[in-house]
PDB file of N, CA and C in Angstrom:
ATOM      1  N   UNK A   1      19.432  35.548 -11.807  1.00  0.00           N
ATOM      2  CA  UNK A   1      18.646  34.988 -12.557  1.00  0.00           C
ATOM      3  C   UNK A   1      19.382  33.636 -13.118  1.00  0.00           C
ATOM      4  N   UNK A   2      18.668  32.327 -13.460  1.00  0.00           N
ATOM      5  CA  UNK A   2      19.274  31.259 -13.871  1.00  0.00           C
ATOM      6  C   UNK A   2      18.197  30.959 -15.224  1.00  0.00           C
ATOM      7  N   UNK A   3      18.715  29.970 -15.926  1.00  0.00           N
ATOM      8  CA  UNK A   3      17.984  29.728 -17.097  1.00  0.00           C
ATOM      9  C   UNK A   3      17.740  28.176 -16.865  1.00  0.00           C
ATOM     10  N   UNK A   4      16.396  28.048 -17.345  1.00  0.00           N
ATOM     11  CA  UNK A   4      15.984  26.419 -17.816  1.00  0.00           C
ATOM     12  C   UNK A   4      15.471  26.060 -18.893  1.00  0.00           C
ATOM     13  N   UNK A   5      15.822  24.863 -19.623  1.00  0.00           N
ATOM     14  CA  UNK A   5      15.203  24.744 -20.768  1.00  0.00           C
ATOM     15  C   UNK A   5      14.276  23.794 -20.474  1.00  0.00           C
ATOM     16  N   UNK A   6      13.224  23.607 -21.684  1.00  0.00           N
ATOM     17  CA  UNK A   6      12.148  22.643 -21.837  1.00  0.00           C
ATOM     18  C   UNK A   6      12.782  21.845 -22.886  1.00  0.00           C
ATOM     19  N   UNK A   7      12.094  20.657 -22.900  1.00  0.00           N
ATOM     20  CA  UNK A   7      12.226  19.715 -23.702  1.00  0.00           C
ATOM     21  C   UNK A   7      11.947  20.141 -25.395  1.00  0.00           C
ATOM     22  N   UNK A   8      10.939  20.997 -25.668  1.00  0.00           N
ATOM     23  CA  UNK A   8      10.698  21.385 -27.048  1.00  0.00           C
ATOM     24  C   UNK A   8      11.913  22.218 -27.332  1.00  0.00           C
ATOM     25  N   UNK A   9      12.344  23.339 -26.542  1.00  0.00           N
ATOM     26  CA  UNK A   9      13.538  24.232 -26.834  1.00  0.00           C
ATOM     27  C   UNK A   9      14.739  23.182 -26.792  1.00  0.00           C
ATOM     28  N   UNK A  10      15.180  22.142 -25.923  1.00  0.00           N
ATOM     29  CA  UNK A  10      16.393  21.401 -26.204  1.00  0.00           C
ATOM     30  C   UNK A  10      16.362  20.674 -27.725  1.00  0.00           C
ATOM     31  N   UNK A  11      15.114  20.364 -28.251  1.00  0.00           N
ATOM     32  CA  UNK A  11      15.159  19.574 -29.655  1.00  0.00           C
ATOM     33  C   UNK A  11      15.069  20.359 -30.816  1.00  0.00           C
ATOM     34  N   UNK A  12      14.457  21.896 -30.511  1.00  0.00           N
ATOM     35  CA  UNK A  12      14.949  22.859 -31.474  1.00  0.00           C
ATOM     36  C   UNK A  12      16.178  23.435 -31.495  1.00  0.00           C
ATOM     37  N   UNK A  13      16.854  23.473 -30.259  1.00  0.00           N
ATOM     38  CA  UNK A  13      18.296  23.670 -30.291  1.00  0.00           C
ATOM     39  C   UNK A  13      19.195  23.057 -30.797  1.00  0.00           C
ATOM     40  N   UNK A  14      18.937  21.595 -30.772  1.00  0.00           N
ATOM     41  CA  UNK A  14      19.719  20.165 -31.491  1.00  0.00           C
ATOM     42  C   UNK A  14      19.875  20.480 -32.780  1.00  0.00           C
ATOM     43  N   UNK A  15      18.595  20.659 -33.535  1.00  0.00           N
ATOM     44  CA  UNK A  15      18.310  20.607 -34.786  1.00  0.00           C
ATOM     45  C   UNK A  15      19.018  22.374 -35.521  1.00  0.00           C
ATOM     46  N   UNK A  16      19.454  23.121 -34.533  1.00  0.00           N
ATOM     47  CA  UNK A  16      19.880  24.505 -35.250  1.00  0.00           C
ATOM     48  C   UNK A  16      21.275  24.361 -36.085  1.00  0.00           C
ATOM     49  N   UNK A  17      21.424  25.233 -36.921  1.00  0.00           N
ATOM     50  CA  UNK A  17      22.968  25.044 -37.590  1.00  0.00           C
ATOM     51  C   UNK A  17      23.824  25.288 -36.581  1.00  0.00           C
ATOM     52  N   UNK A  18      24.997  25.071 -36.511  1.00  0.00           N
ATOM     53  CA  UNK A  18      26.089  25.421 -35.641  1.00  0.00           C
ATOM     54  C   UNK A  18      26.367  26.837 -35.243  1.00  0.00           C
ATOM     55  N   UNK A  19      26.201  27.675 -36.289  1.00  0.00           N
ATOM     56  CA  UNK A  19      26.338  29.080 -36.170  1.00  0.00           C
ATOM     57  C   UNK A  19      25.647  29.588 -35.174  1.00  0.00           C
ATOM     58  N   UNK A  20      24.255  29.308 -35.505  1.00  0.00           N
ATOM     59  CA  UNK A  20      23.097  29.911 -34.842  1.00  0.00           C
ATOM     60  C   UNK A  20      23.102  29.530 -33.722  1.00  0.00           C
ATOM     61  N   UNK A  21      23.504  28.316 -33.538  1.00  0.00           N
ATOM     62  CA  UNK A  21      23.423  27.677 -31.855  1.00  0.00           C
ATOM     63  C   UNK A  21      24.651  28.608 -31.131  1.00  0.00           C
ATOM     64  N   UNK A  22      25.762  28.702 -31.658  1.00  0.00           N
ATOM     65  CA  UNK A  22      26.863  29.594 -31.199  1.00  0.00           C
ATOM     66  C   UNK A  22      26.199  31.118 -30.613  1.00  0.00           C
ATOM     67  N   UNK A  23      25.470  31.544 -31.674  1.00  0.00           N
ATOM     68  CA  UNK A  23      24.600  32.917 -31.429  1.00  0.00           C
ATOM     69  C   UNK A  23      23.585  32.927 -30.280  1.00  0.00           C
ATOM     70  N   UNK A  24      22.918  31.564 -30.079  1.00  0.00           N
ATOM     71  CA  UNK A  24      21.722  31.509 -29.245  1.00  0.00           C
ATOM     72  C   UNK A  24      22.645  31.500 -27.810  1.00  0.00           C
ATOM     73  N   UNK A  25      23.843  30.844 -27.654  1.00  0.00           N
ATOM     74  CA  UNK A  25      24.582  30.883 -26.477  1.00  0.00           C
ATOM     75  C   UNK A  25      25.044  32.213 -26.205  1.00  0.00           C
ATOM     76  N   UNK A  26      25.343  32.855 -27.057  1.00  0.00           N
ATOM     77  CA  UNK A  26      25.849  34.209 -27.043  1.00  0.00           C
ATOM     78  C   UNK A  26      24.800  35.128 -26.219  1.00  0.00           C
ATOM     79  N   UNK A  27      23.847  35.355 -26.996  1.00  0.00           N
ATOM     80  CA  UNK A  27      22.574  36.335 -26.437  1.00  0.00           C
ATOM     81  C   UNK A  27      21.920  35.430 -25.206  1.00  0.00           C
ATOM     82  N   UNK A  28      22.053  34.288 -24.780  1.00  0.00           N
ATOM     83  CA  UNK A  28      21.504  34.067 -23.332  1.00  0.00           C
ATOM     84  C   UNK A  28      22.778  34.263 -22.419  1.00  0.00           C
ATOM     85  N   UNK A  29      24.125  34.055 -22.747  1.00  0.00           N
ATOM     86  CA  UNK A  29      24.823  34.856 -21.729  1.00  0.00           C
ATOM     87  C   UNK A  29      24.416  36.391 -21.535  1.00  0.00           C
ATOM     88  N   UNK A  30      24.199  36.987 -22.363  1.00  0.00           N
ATOM     89  CA  UNK A  30      23.816  38.586 -22.683  1.00  0.00           C
ATOM     90  C   UNK A  30      22.789  38.561 -21.712  1.00  0.00           C
ATOM     91  N   UNK A  31      21.756  37.881 -22.044  1.00  0.00           N
ATOM     92  CA  UNK A  31      20.613  37.858 -21.034  1.00  0.00           C
ATOM     93  C   UNK A  31      20.883  37.611 -19.623  1.00  0.00           C
ATOM     94  N   UNK A  32      21.637  36.907 -19.215  1.00  0.00           N
ATOM     95  CA  UNK A  32      21.777  36.636 -17.880  1.00  0.00           C
ATOM     96  C   UNK A  32      22.622  37.794 -17.230  1.00  0.00           C
ATOM     97  N   UNK A  33      23.656  38.419 -18.024  1.00  0.00           N
ATOM     98  CA  UNK A  33      24.679  39.657 -17.577  1.00  0.00           C
ATOM     99  C   UNK A  33      23.514  40.930 -17.948  1.00  0.00           C
ATOM    100  N   UNK A  34      22.855  41.065 -18.604  1.00  0.00           N
ATOM    101  CA  UNK A  34      21.891  42.236 -18.781  1.00  0.00           C
ATOM    102  C   UNK A  34      20.961  42.155 -19.944  1.00  0.00           C
ATOM    103  N   UNK A  35      19.671  41.504 -19.132  1.00  0.00           N
ATOM    104  CA  UNK A  35      18.423  41.451 -20.064  1.00  0.00           C
ATOM    105  C   UNK A  35      17.918  43.000 -20.739  1.00  0.00           C
ATOM    106  N   UNK A  36      18.349  44.081 -20.139  1.00  0.00           N
ATOM    107  CA  UNK A  36      18.099  45.207 -21.080  1.00  0.00           C
ATOM    108  C   UNK A  36      18.901  45.689 -22.380  1.00  0.00           C
ATOM    109  N   UNK A  37      19.961  44.648 -22.456  1.00  0.00           N
ATOM    110  CA  UNK A  37      20.881  44.905 -23.738  1.00  0.00           C
ATOM    111  C   UNK A  37      20.065  45.001 -25.136  1.00  0.00           C
ATOM    112  N   UNK A  38      20.323  46.118 -25.774  1.00  0.00           N
ATOM    113  CA  UNK A  38      19.302  46.405 -27.120  1.00  0.00           C
ATOM    114  C   UNK A  38      19.489  45.500 -28.187  1.00  0.00           C
ATOM    115  N   UNK A  39      20.632  44.611 -28.424  1.00  0.00           N
ATOM    116  CA  UNK A  39      20.806  43.593 -29.245  1.00  0.00           C
ATOM    117  C   UNK A  39      19.675  42.474 -29.117  1.00  0.00           C
ATOM    118  N   UNK A  40      19.321  42.312 -27.585  1.00  0.00           N
ATOM    119  CA  UNK A  40      18.378  41.201 -27.497  1.00  0.00           C
ATOM    120  C   UNK A  40      16.819  41.563 -27.675  1.00  0.00           C
ATOM    121  N   UNK A  41      16.269  42.945 -27.947  1.00  0.00           N
ATOM    122  CA  UNK A  41      15.469  43.129 -28.270  1.00  0.00           C
ATOM    123  C   UNK A  41      14.055  42.388 -27.259  1.00  0.00           C
ATOM    124  N   UNK A  42      14.261  42.232 -26.207  1.00  0.00           N
ATOM    125  CA  UNK A  42      13.483  41.483 -25.401  1.00  0.00           C
ATOM    126  C   UNK A  42      12.169  42.218 -25.313  1.00  0.00           C
ATOM    127  N   UNK A  43      10.909  41.475 -25.589  1.00  0.00           N
ATOM    128  CA  UNK A  43       9.614  41.908 -25.330  1.00  0.00           C
ATOM    129  C   UNK A  43       8.642  40.896 -25.263  1.00  0.00           C
ATOM    130  N   UNK A  44       7.608  41.348 -24.656  1.00  0.00           N
ATOM    131  CA  UNK A  44       6.530  40.542 -24.215  1.00  0.00           C
ATOM    132  C   UNK A  44       5.765  40.071 -25.660  1.00  0.00           C
ATOM    133  N   UNK A  45       5.243  38.897 -25.782  1.00  0.00           N
ATOM    134  CA  UNK A  45       4.608  38.521 -26.876  1.00  0.00           C
ATOM    135  C   UNK A  45       3.062  39.286 -26.728  1.00  0.00           C
ATOM    136  N   UNK A  46       2.684  39.173 -28.037  1.00  0.00           N
ATOM    137  CA  UNK A  46       1.515  40.254 -28.088  1.00  0.00           C
ATOM    138  C   UNK A  46       0.325  39.167 -28.032  1.00  0.00           C
ATOM    139  N   UNK A  47      -0.699  39.379 -26.891  1.00  0.00           N
ATOM    140  CA  UNK A  47      -1.714  38.305 -26.656  1.00  0.00           C
ATOM    141  C   UNK A  47      -1.299  37.303 -25.721  1.00  0.00           C
ATOM    142  N   UNK A  48      -0.379  37.531 -25.133  1.00  0.00           N
ATOM    143  CA  UNK A  48       0.103  36.762 -23.912  1.00  0.00           C
ATOM    144  C   UNK A  48       0.207  37.222 -22.765  1.00  0.00           C
ATOM    145  N   UNK A  49      -0.001  36.420 -21.435  1.00  0.00           N
ATOM    146  CA  UNK A  49       0.268  37.266 -20.163  1.00  0.00           C
ATOM    147  C   UNK A  49       1.691  37.181 -19.946  1.00  0.00           C
ATOM    148  N   UNK A  50       2.480  35.903 -20.303  1.00  0.00           N
ATOM    149  CA  UNK A  50       3.695  35.709 -19.612  1.00  0.00           C
ATOM    150  C   UNK A  50       4.723  34.845 -20.893  1.00  0.00           C
ATOM    151  N   UNK A  51       4.597  35.354 -21.754  1.00  0.00           N
ATOM    152  CA  UNK A  51       5.461  34.790 -22.964  1.00  0.00           C
ATOM    153  C   UNK A  51       6.463  36.081 -23.172  1.00  0.00           C
ATOM    154  N   UNK A  52       7.696  35.770 -23.547  1.00  0.00           N
ATOM    155  CA  UNK A  52       8.436  36.688 -24.314  1.00  0.00           C
ATOM    156  C   UNK A  52       9.236  36.379 -25.095  1.00  0.00           C
ATOM    157  N   UNK A  53       9.846  36.945 -25.903  1.00  0.00           N
ATOM    158  CA  UNK A  53      10.629  36.860 -27.251  1.00  0.00           C
ATOM    159  C   UNK A  53      12.213  37.668 -27.080  1.00  0.00           C
ATOM    160  N   UNK A  54      13.297  36.932 -27.582  1.00  0.00           N
ATOM    161  CA  UNK A  54      14.292  37.598 -27.488  1.00  0.00           C
ATOM    162  C   UNK A  54      14.714  37.411 -28.902  1.00  0.00           C
ATOM    163  N   UNK A  55      15.732  38.471 -29.414  1.00  0.00           N
ATOM    164  CA  UNK A  55      16.149  37.863 -30.605  1.00  0.00           C
ATOM    165  C   UNK A  55      17.535  37.217 -30.778  1.00  0.00           C
ATOM    166  N   UNK A  56      17.805  36.462 -31.552  1.00  0.00           N
ATOM    167  CA  UNK A  56      18.866  35.767 -31.773  1.00  0.00           C
ATOM    168  C   UNK A  56      19.830  36.355 -32.939  1.00  0.00           C
ATOM    169  N   UNK A  57      19.203  36.401 -34.381  1.00  0.00           N
ATOM    170  CA  UNK A  57      19.528  36.837 -35.315  1.00  0.00           C
ATOM    171  C   UNK A  57      18.269  37.521 -36.242  1.00  0.00           C
ATOM    172  N   UNK A  58      18.792  37.965 -37.082  1.00  0.00           N
ATOM    173  CA  UNK A  58      17.635  38.675 -37.684  1.00  0.00           C
ATOM    174  C   UNK A  58      16.264  37.887 -38.279  1.00  0.00           C
ATOM    175  N   UNK A  59      16.712  36.461 -38.242  1.00  0.00           N
ATOM    176  CA  UNK A  59      15.611  35.606 -38.614  1.00  0.00           C
ATOM    177  C   UNK A  59      15.117  34.465 -37.568  1.00  0.00           C
ATOM    178  N   UNK A  60      15.965  34.713 -36.486  1.00  0.00           N
ATOM    179  CA  UNK A  60      15.911  33.387 -35.305  1.00  0.00           C
ATOM    180  C   UNK A  60      15.552  34.205 -33.908  1.00  0.00           C
ATOM    181  N   UNK A  61      14.519  33.683 -33.017  1.00  0.00           N
ATOM    182  CA  UNK A  61      14.031  33.990 -31.948  1.00  0.00           C
ATOM    183  C   UNK A  61      13.989  32.655 -30.862  1.00  0.00           C
ATOM    184  N   UNK A  62      14.171  33.488 -29.884  1.00  0.00           N
ATOM    185  CA  UNK A  62      13.758  32.305 -28.649  1.00  0.00           C
ATOM    186  C   UNK A  62      12.670  32.963 -27.776  1.00  0.00           C
ATOM    187  N   UNK A  63      11.549  31.729 -27.608  1.00  0.00           N
ATOM    188  CA  UNK A  63      10.717  32.367 -26.513  1.00  0.00           C
ATOM    189  C   UNK A  63      10.604  31.740 -25.453  1.00  0.00           C
ATOM    190  N   UNK A  64      10.233  32.468 -23.999  1.00  0.00           N
ATOM    191  CA  UNK A  64      10.552  32.217 -22.898  1.00  0.00           C
ATOM    192  C   UNK A  64       9.776  32.667 -21.742  1.00  0.00           C
ATOM    193  N   UNK A  65       9.583  32.274 -20.612  1.00  0.00           N
ATOM    194  CA  UNK A  65       8.688  32.783 -19.334  1.00  0.00           C
ATOM    195  C   UNK A  65       9.649  33.298 -18.581  1.00  0.00           C
ATOM    196  N   UNK A  66       9.327  33.995 -17.600  1.00  0.00           N
ATOM    197  CA  UNK A  66      10.141  34.498 -16.481  1.00  0.00           C
ATOM    198  C   UNK A  66       9.134  34.023 -15.195  1.00  0.00           C
ATOM    199  N   UNK A  67       9.702  33.292 -14.541  1.00  0.00           N
ATOM    200  CA  UNK A  67       9.073  32.748 -13.165  1.00  0.00           C
ATOM    201  C   UNK A  67      10.082  32.862 -12.125  1.00  0.00           C
ATOM    202  N   UNK A  68       9.975  33.874 -11.302  1.00  0.00           N
ATOM    203  CA  UNK A  68      10.672  34.362 -10.465  1.00  0.00           C
ATOM    204  C   UNK A  68      11.819  34.723 -10.774  1.00  0.00           C
ATOM    205  N   UNK A  69      12.930  33.742 -10.611  1.00  0.00           N
ATOM    206  CA  UNK A  69      14.343  33.981 -10.581  1.00  0.00           C
ATOM    207  C   UNK A  69      14.779  33.338 -11.777  1.00  0.00           C
ATOM    208  N   UNK A  70      13.968  32.702 -12.655  1.00  0.00           N
ATOM    209  CA  UNK A  70      14.548  31.695 -13.524  1.00  0.00           C
ATOM    210  C   UNK A  70      13.817  32.176 -15.085  1.00  0.00           C
ATOM    211  N   UNK A  71      14.583  32.061 -16.073  1.00  0.00           N
ATOM    212  CA  UNK A  71      14.351  32.272 -17.565  1.00  0.00           C
ATOM    213  C   UNK A  71      13.995  30.876 -17.948  1.00  0.00           C
ATOM    214  N   UNK A  72      12.735  30.296 -18.334  1.00  0.00           N
ATOM    215  CA  UNK A  72      12.419  29.304 -18.922  1.00  0.00           C
ATOM    216  C   UNK A  72      12.072  29.365 -20.237  1.00  0.00           C
ATOM    217  N   UNK A  73      13.272  28.643 -21.121  1.00  0.00           N
ATOM    218  CA  UNK A  73      13.167  28.788 -22.440  1.00  0.00           C
ATOM    219  C   UNK A  73      12.290  27.728 -22.853  1.00  0.00           C
ATOM    220  N   UNK A  74      11.271  27.951 -23.765  1.00  0.00           N
ATOM    221  CA  UNK A  74      10.598  27.460 -24.282  1.00  0.00           C
ATOM    222  C   UNK A  74      10.638  26.782 -25.917  1.00  0.00           C
ATOM    223  N   UNK A  75      10.868  27.881 -26.962  1.00  0.00           N
ATOM    224  CA  UNK A  75      11.522  27.216 -27.796  1.00  0.00           C
ATOM    225  C   UNK A  75      12.109  28.440 -28.535  1.00  0.00           C
ATOM    226  N   UNK A  76      12.900  27.525 -29.638  1.00  0.00           N
ATOM    227  CA  UNK A  76      13.975  28.789 -30.351  1.00  0.00           C
ATOM    228  C   UNK A  76      13.975  28.267 -31.761  1.00  0.00           C
ATOM    229  N   UNK A  77      13.711  29.222 -32.789  1.00  0.00           N
ATOM    230  CA  UNK A  77      13.768  29.127 -34.278  1.00  0.00           C
ATOM    231  C   UNK A  77      13.351  30.190 -34.875  1.00  0.00           C
ATOM    232  N   UNK A  78      12.934  29.856 -36.199  1.00  0.00           N
ATOM    233  CA  UNK A  78      12.256  31.039 -36.924  1.00  0.00           C
ATOM    234  C   UNK A  78      11.251  31.570 -36.693  1.00  0.00           C
ATOM    235  N   UNK A  79      10.828  32.593 -37.083  1.00  0.00           N
ATOM    236  CA  UNK A  79       9.310  33.107 -37.039  1.00  0.00           C
ATOM    237  C   UNK A  79       8.303  32.108 -37.007  1.00  0.00           C
ATOM    238  N   UNK A  80       8.535  31.475 -38.414  1.00  0.00           N
ATOM    239  CA  UNK A  80       7.450  30.652 -38.537  1.00  0.00           C
ATOM    240  C   UNK A  80       7.230  29.294 -37.575  1.00  0.00           C
ATOM    241  N   UNK A  81       8.209  29.000 -36.995  1.00  0.00           N
ATOM    242  CA  UNK A  81       8.250  27.858 -35.851  1.00  0.00           C
ATOM    243  C   UNK A  81       7.337  28.967 -34.695  1.00  0.00           C
ATOM    244  N   UNK A  82       8.093  29.904 -34.146  1.00  0.00           N
ATOM    245  CA  UNK A  82       7.389  30.513 -33.235  1.00  0.00           C
ATOM    246  C   UNK A  82       6.182  30.986 -33.452  1.00  0.00           C
ATOM    247  N   UNK A  83       5.635  30.960 -34.259  1.00  0.00           N
ATOM    248  CA  UNK A  83       3.847  31.407 -34.815  1.00  0.00           C
ATOM    249  C   UNK A  83       3.152  30.243 -34.098  1.00  0.00           C
ATOM    250  N   UNK A  84       3.751  29.168 -33.914  1.00  0.00           N
ATOM    251  CA  UNK A  84       3.150  28.050 -33.488  1.00  0.00           C
ATOM    252  C   UNK A  84       2.975  28.111 -31.982  1.00  0.00           C
ATOM    253  N   UNK A  85       3.820  28.839 -31.378  1.00  0.00           N
ATOM    254  CA  UNK A  85       3.477  28.831 -30.004  1.00  0.00           C
ATOM    255  C   UNK A  85       2.154  29.058 -29.204  1.00  0.00           C
TER     256      UNK A  85
END
């Protein structure tokens, strides 16, 4: 699998505090290594056909799509931000 980012994700990521960016990087490496790792809590978003969410920290999440062998990262932020997705 590989990772592709979107423009909204890139903007969100740039605005994150440094410690949260480090945690995002760690969780994405874990996603590539073992998408079933329990700390990711990867799950399909309710009411969607193709959007997934993974846990970064207690308050931060990443939303993504899975297309073939690619994770497409859509947004990263708090639950409030991700409710807008």
